[in-house]
């Protein structure tokens, strides 16, 4: 039974990544705030690309190659955002809470 608990504990600890677990809470909080801000910037940029792509799809004068390029860029941005969100999740897991950004001058 102890082996089962060790396995469960290891499965739960893997997502937090050892490099984050070894950091001090204050350092993790700074890292988390930075990662949250970066995630918000990525989302805003992704939305801009998506809106441009959506507008282009309704304009018959936009060449198919341009539409494909916009679609490819949007998909690539989504993959980057997904990877960044995964890292953010690991930081938050290691920290144990989501830091309050309201005092950090967030808009």
N, C-alpha and C. Protein backbone atom coordinates (compact mmCIF):
# COMPACT_ATOMS: atom_id res chain seq x y z
N UNK A 1 0.82 -1.19 0.00
CA UNK A 1 0.00 0.00 0.00
C UNK A 1 0.87 1.26 0.00
N UNK A 2 1.98 1.23 0.69
CA UNK A 2 2.87 2.38 0.70
C UNK A 2 3.41 2.68 -0.70
N UNK A 3 3.70 1.64 -1.47
CA UNK A 3 4.17 1.80 -2.83
C UNK A 3 3.13 2.53 -3.67
N UNK A 4 1.87 2.21 -3.47
CA UNK A 4 0.79 2.89 -4.19
C UNK A 4 0.75 4.36 -3.84
N UNK A 5 0.93 4.68 -2.58
CA UNK A 5 0.93 6.08 -2.17
C UNK A 5 2.14 6.82 -2.75
N UNK A 6 3.30 6.16 -2.80
CA UNK A 6 4.47 6.81 -3.39
C UNK A 6 4.23 7.10 -4.86
N UNK A 7 3.63 6.14 -5.55
CA UNK A 7 3.34 6.32 -6.96
C UNK A 7 2.37 7.48 -7.16
N UNK A 8 1.34 7.54 -6.32
CA UNK A 8 0.37 8.62 -6.44
C UNK A 8 1.04 9.95 -6.15
N UNK A 9 1.89 9.99 -5.13
CA UNK A 9 2.58 11.23 -4.79
C UNK A 9 3.48 11.66 -5.93
N UNK A 10 4.21 10.72 -6.54
CA UNK A 10 5.07 11.07 -7.64
C UNK A 10 4.28 11.57 -8.83
N UNK A 11 3.13 10.96 -9.11
CA UNK A 11 2.29 11.42 -10.21
C UNK A 11 1.81 12.84 -9.96
N UNK A 12 1.49 13.14 -8.71
CA UNK A 12 1.01 14.47 -8.39
C UNK A 12 2.14 15.49 -8.41
N UNK A 13 3.35 15.09 -8.06
CA UNK A 13 4.46 16.02 -8.00
C UNK A 13 5.07 16.30 -9.36
N UNK A 14 5.00 15.39 -10.29
CA UNK A 14 5.60 15.58 -11.61
C UNK A 14 5.17 16.87 -12.29
N UNK A 15 3.87 17.23 -12.29
CA UNK A 15 3.46 18.42 -13.01
C UNK A 15 4.07 19.72 -12.48
N UNK A 16 4.52 19.74 -11.21
CA UNK A 16 5.03 20.99 -10.67
C UNK A 16 6.46 21.27 -11.06
N UNK A 17 7.14 20.33 -11.66
CA UNK A 17 8.52 20.48 -12.12
C UNK A 17 9.45 20.81 -10.96
N UNK A 18 10.45 20.00 -10.75
CA UNK A 18 11.36 20.17 -9.63
C UNK A 18 11.99 21.56 -9.52
N UNK A 19 12.26 22.21 -10.64
CA UNK A 19 12.90 23.53 -10.57
C UNK A 19 11.99 24.55 -9.89
N UNK A 20 10.69 24.42 -10.01
CA UNK A 20 9.78 25.35 -9.37
C UNK A 20 9.61 25.04 -7.89
N UNK A 21 9.61 23.76 -7.54
CA UNK A 21 9.40 23.34 -6.16
C UNK A 21 10.54 23.81 -5.27
N UNK A 22 11.74 23.89 -5.82
CA UNK A 22 12.91 24.26 -5.02
C UNK A 22 13.02 25.77 -4.77
N UNK A 23 12.21 26.57 -5.43
CA UNK A 23 12.26 28.02 -5.26
C UNK A 23 11.55 28.46 -3.98
N UNK A 24 11.98 29.58 -3.44
CA UNK A 24 11.31 30.19 -2.29
C UNK A 24 9.93 30.69 -2.73
N UNK A 25 8.99 30.76 -1.78
CA UNK A 25 7.63 31.23 -2.10
C UNK A 25 7.66 32.63 -2.70
N UNK A 26 8.50 33.51 -2.17
CA UNK A 26 8.55 34.88 -2.69
C UNK A 26 9.03 34.89 -4.14
N UNK A 27 10.02 34.04 -4.47
CA UNK A 27 10.50 33.95 -5.85
C UNK A 27 9.44 33.34 -6.76
N UNK A 28 8.74 32.33 -6.25
CA UNK A 28 7.66 31.71 -7.02
C UNK A 28 6.55 32.71 -7.29
N UNK A 29 6.24 33.55 -6.31
CA UNK A 29 5.18 34.54 -6.50
C UNK A 29 5.57 35.54 -7.59
N UNK A 30 6.80 36.00 -7.58
CA UNK A 30 7.28 36.92 -8.62
C UNK A 30 7.21 36.24 -9.98
N UNK A 31 7.65 35.00 -10.04
CA UNK A 31 7.61 34.23 -11.28
C UNK A 31 6.17 34.03 -11.75
N UNK A 32 5.26 33.74 -10.83
CA UNK A 32 3.85 33.54 -11.16
C UNK A 32 3.23 34.82 -11.71
N UNK A 33 3.50 35.94 -11.07
CA UNK A 33 2.95 37.22 -11.54
C UNK A 33 3.45 37.52 -12.94
N UNK A 34 4.74 37.29 -13.17
CA UNK A 34 5.31 37.52 -14.50
C UNK A 34 4.67 36.59 -15.53
N UNK A 35 4.49 35.32 -15.18
CA UNK A 35 3.90 34.35 -16.10
C UNK A 35 2.44 34.68 -16.39
N UNK A 36 1.72 35.15 -15.40
CA UNK A 36 0.31 35.54 -15.60
C UNK A 36 0.24 36.73 -16.56
N UNK A 37 1.10 37.71 -16.35
CA UNK A 37 1.10 38.87 -17.24
C UNK A 37 1.45 38.47 -18.67
N UNK A 38 2.45 37.60 -18.82
CA UNK A 38 2.83 37.11 -20.15
C UNK A 38 1.67 36.37 -20.80
N UNK A 39 0.98 35.55 -20.01
CA UNK A 39 -0.16 34.81 -20.54
C UNK A 39 -1.24 35.77 -21.03
N UNK A 40 -1.50 36.80 -20.28
CA UNK A 40 -2.50 37.79 -20.70
C UNK A 40 -2.08 38.50 -21.97
N UNK A 41 -0.78 38.82 -22.10
CA UNK A 41 -0.28 39.46 -23.33
C UNK A 41 -0.45 38.53 -24.53
N UNK A 42 -0.13 37.25 -24.33
CA UNK A 42 -0.27 36.29 -25.42
C UNK A 42 -1.73 36.16 -25.85
N UNK A 43 -2.63 36.10 -24.90
CA UNK A 43 -4.05 35.98 -25.23
C UNK A 43 -4.51 37.20 -26.03
N UNK A 44 -4.11 38.39 -25.61
CA UNK A 44 -4.52 39.61 -26.32
C UNK A 44 -3.97 39.61 -27.75
N UNK A 45 -2.72 39.21 -27.91
CA UNK A 45 -2.12 39.16 -29.25
C UNK A 45 -2.81 38.10 -30.10
N UNK A 46 -3.12 36.95 -29.50
CA UNK A 46 -3.81 35.88 -30.21
C UNK A 46 -5.19 36.35 -30.70
N UNK A 47 -5.87 37.10 -29.86
CA UNK A 47 -7.19 37.61 -30.23
C UNK A 47 -7.09 38.53 -31.44
N UNK A 48 -6.05 39.36 -31.46
CA UNK A 48 -5.85 40.26 -32.60
C UNK A 48 -5.64 39.49 -33.89
N UNK A 49 -4.83 38.46 -33.85
CA UNK A 49 -4.59 37.64 -35.04
C UNK A 49 -5.88 36.92 -35.45
N UNK A 50 -6.62 36.41 -34.47
CA UNK A 50 -7.87 35.72 -34.78
C UNK A 50 -8.86 36.68 -35.45
N UNK A 51 -8.98 37.89 -34.90
CA UNK A 51 -9.91 38.87 -35.48
C UNK A 51 -9.52 39.22 -36.91
N UNK A 52 -8.22 39.37 -37.16
CA UNK A 52 -7.74 39.66 -38.52
C UNK A 52 -8.07 38.50 -39.45
N UNK A 53 -7.84 37.29 -38.98
CA UNK A 53 -8.16 36.09 -39.76
C UNK A 53 -9.66 36.02 -40.04
N UNK A 54 -10.48 36.27 -39.03
CA UNK A 54 -11.94 36.22 -39.19
C UNK A 54 -12.41 37.27 -40.20
N UNK A 55 -11.86 38.48 -40.13
CA UNK A 55 -12.23 39.52 -41.10
C UNK A 55 -11.83 39.11 -42.51
N UNK A 56 -10.63 38.54 -42.62
CA UNK A 56 -10.13 38.15 -43.94
C UNK A 56 -10.99 37.05 -44.56
N UNK A 57 -11.53 36.17 -43.75
CA UNK A 57 -12.35 35.08 -44.29
C UNK A 57 -13.66 35.59 -44.89
N UNK A 58 -14.10 36.76 -44.46
CA UNK A 58 -15.35 37.31 -44.99
C UNK A 58 -15.12 38.22 -46.20
N UNK A 59 -13.85 38.47 -46.51
CA UNK A 59 -13.50 39.34 -47.63
C UNK A 59 -13.08 38.49 -48.82
N UNK A 60 -13.93 38.44 -49.85
CA UNK A 60 -13.61 37.58 -51.01
C UNK A 60 -12.37 38.02 -51.78
N UNK A 61 -11.91 39.24 -51.57
CA UNK A 61 -10.73 39.72 -52.30
C UNK A 61 -9.41 39.26 -51.66
N UNK A 62 -9.49 38.67 -50.46
CA UNK A 62 -8.28 38.20 -49.79
C UNK A 62 -7.86 36.86 -50.39
N UNK A 63 -6.63 36.78 -50.87
CA UNK A 63 -6.16 35.54 -51.49
C UNK A 63 -6.12 34.37 -50.50
N UNK A 64 -6.30 33.19 -51.02
CA UNK A 64 -6.30 31.98 -50.19
C UNK A 64 -4.97 31.81 -49.45
N UNK A 65 -3.88 32.22 -50.07
CA UNK A 65 -2.57 32.10 -49.44
C UNK A 65 -2.47 32.98 -48.19
N UNK A 66 -3.10 34.15 -48.25
CA UNK A 66 -3.11 35.04 -47.09
C UNK A 66 -3.96 34.43 -45.98
N UNK A 67 -5.11 33.89 -46.34
CA UNK A 67 -5.96 33.22 -45.35
C UNK A 67 -5.21 32.08 -44.67
N UNK A 68 -4.52 31.28 -45.48
CA UNK A 68 -3.77 30.15 -44.95
C UNK A 68 -2.66 30.64 -44.01
N UNK A 69 -2.00 31.70 -44.39
CA UNK A 69 -0.93 32.27 -43.57
C UNK A 69 -1.48 32.75 -42.21
N UNK A 70 -2.61 33.44 -42.24
CA UNK A 70 -3.24 33.91 -41.00
C UNK A 70 -3.67 32.73 -40.13
N UNK A 71 -4.24 31.73 -40.77
CA UNK A 71 -4.66 30.54 -40.02
C UNK A 71 -3.45 29.85 -39.38
N UNK A 72 -2.38 29.69 -40.15
CA UNK A 72 -1.17 29.06 -39.63
C UNK A 72 -0.59 29.85 -38.46
N UNK A 73 -0.59 31.17 -38.60
CA UNK A 73 -0.06 32.00 -37.51
C UNK A 73 -0.91 31.84 -36.26
N UNK A 74 -2.22 31.84 -36.43
CA UNK A 74 -3.11 31.69 -35.28
C UNK A 74 -2.89 30.35 -34.60
N UNK A 75 -2.80 29.27 -35.37
CA UNK A 75 -2.58 27.94 -34.80
C UNK A 75 -1.24 27.89 -34.06
N UNK A 76 -0.21 28.47 -34.64
CA UNK A 76 1.11 28.49 -33.99
C UNK A 76 1.05 29.27 -32.68
N UNK A 77 0.33 30.38 -32.68
CA UNK A 77 0.18 31.17 -31.46
C UNK A 77 -0.58 30.40 -30.39
N UNK A 78 -1.58 29.65 -30.81
CA UNK A 78 -2.34 28.84 -29.85
C UNK A 78 -1.45 27.78 -29.20
N UNK A 79 -0.58 27.18 -29.97
CA UNK A 79 0.35 26.18 -29.42
C UNK A 79 1.30 26.83 -28.43
N UNK A 80 1.80 28.01 -28.77
CA UNK A 80 2.70 28.73 -27.86
C UNK A 80 1.96 29.10 -26.57
N UNK A 81 0.73 29.57 -26.70
CA UNK A 81 -0.07 29.92 -25.52
C UNK A 81 -0.34 28.70 -24.65
N UNK A 82 -0.60 27.58 -25.29
CA UNK A 82 -0.86 26.35 -24.55
C UNK A 82 0.37 25.93 -23.74
N UNK A 83 1.53 26.02 -24.35
CA UNK A 83 2.78 25.66 -23.65
C UNK A 83 3.04 26.62 -22.50
N UNK A 84 2.79 27.91 -22.73
CA UNK A 84 3.01 28.90 -21.68
C UNK A 84 2.01 28.70 -20.55
N UNK A 85 0.77 28.35 -20.88
CA UNK A 85 -0.25 28.11 -19.86
C UNK A 85 0.12 26.88 -19.03
N UNK A 86 0.70 25.86 -19.66
CA UNK A 86 1.14 24.68 -18.94
C UNK A 86 2.23 25.04 -17.93
N UNK A 87 3.19 25.88 -18.37
CA UNK A 87 4.25 26.32 -17.46
C UNK A 87 3.66 27.14 -16.31
N UNK A 88 2.74 28.03 -16.63
CA UNK A 88 2.08 28.83 -15.60
C UNK A 88 1.37 27.94 -14.59
N UNK A 89 0.70 26.93 -15.07
CA UNK A 89 0.00 26.00 -14.19
C UNK A 89 0.97 25.32 -13.23
N UNK A 90 2.13 24.93 -13.73
CA UNK A 90 3.13 24.29 -12.88
C UNK A 90 3.65 25.25 -11.82
N UNK A 91 3.84 26.51 -12.19
CA UNK A 91 4.29 27.52 -11.23
C UNK A 91 3.24 27.72 -10.15
N UNK A 92 1.98 27.86 -10.56
CA UNK A 92 0.89 28.05 -9.61
C UNK A 92 0.76 26.84 -8.69
N UNK A 93 0.89 25.63 -9.25
CA UNK A 93 0.83 24.42 -8.44
C UNK A 93 1.94 24.42 -7.39
N UNK A 94 3.15 24.80 -7.79
CA UNK A 94 4.27 24.83 -6.85
C UNK A 94 4.06 25.90 -5.79
N UNK A 95 3.50 27.04 -6.18
CA UNK A 95 3.23 28.14 -5.25
C UNK A 95 2.11 27.78 -4.29
N UNK A 96 1.09 27.12 -4.80
CA UNK A 96 -0.03 26.70 -3.97
C UNK A 96 -1.21 27.65 -4.00
N UNK A 97 -1.08 28.76 -4.69
CA UNK A 97 -2.19 29.72 -4.81
C UNK A 97 -1.91 30.65 -5.98
N UNK A 98 -2.96 31.35 -6.41
CA UNK A 98 -2.82 32.33 -7.48
C UNK A 98 -2.58 33.68 -6.81
N UNK A 99 -1.45 34.32 -7.09
CA UNK A 99 -1.17 35.60 -6.44
C UNK A 99 -2.16 36.68 -6.89
N UNK A 100 -2.40 37.61 -5.99
CA UNK A 100 -3.30 38.73 -6.26
C UNK A 100 -2.56 39.77 -7.10
N UNK A 101 -3.06 40.04 -8.28
CA UNK A 101 -2.41 41.01 -9.15
C UNK A 101 -3.01 42.40 -9.04
N UNK A 102 -4.08 42.55 -8.30
CA UNK A 102 -4.76 43.84 -8.24
C UNK A 102 -3.86 44.92 -7.66
N UNK A 103 -2.93 44.56 -6.82
CA UNK A 103 -2.02 45.56 -6.21
C UNK A 103 -0.79 45.79 -7.07
N UNK A 104 -0.66 45.06 -8.15
CA UNK A 104 0.54 45.13 -8.99
C UNK A 104 0.36 46.07 -10.18
N UNK A 105 -0.69 46.89 -10.19
CA UNK A 105 -0.87 47.83 -11.28
C UNK A 105 -1.45 47.21 -12.52
N UNK A 106 -2.10 46.06 -12.41
CA UNK A 106 -2.74 45.44 -13.57
C UNK A 106 -3.89 46.30 -14.03
N UNK A 107 -4.11 46.29 -15.33
CA UNK A 107 -5.20 47.09 -15.89
C UNK A 107 -6.48 46.32 -15.88
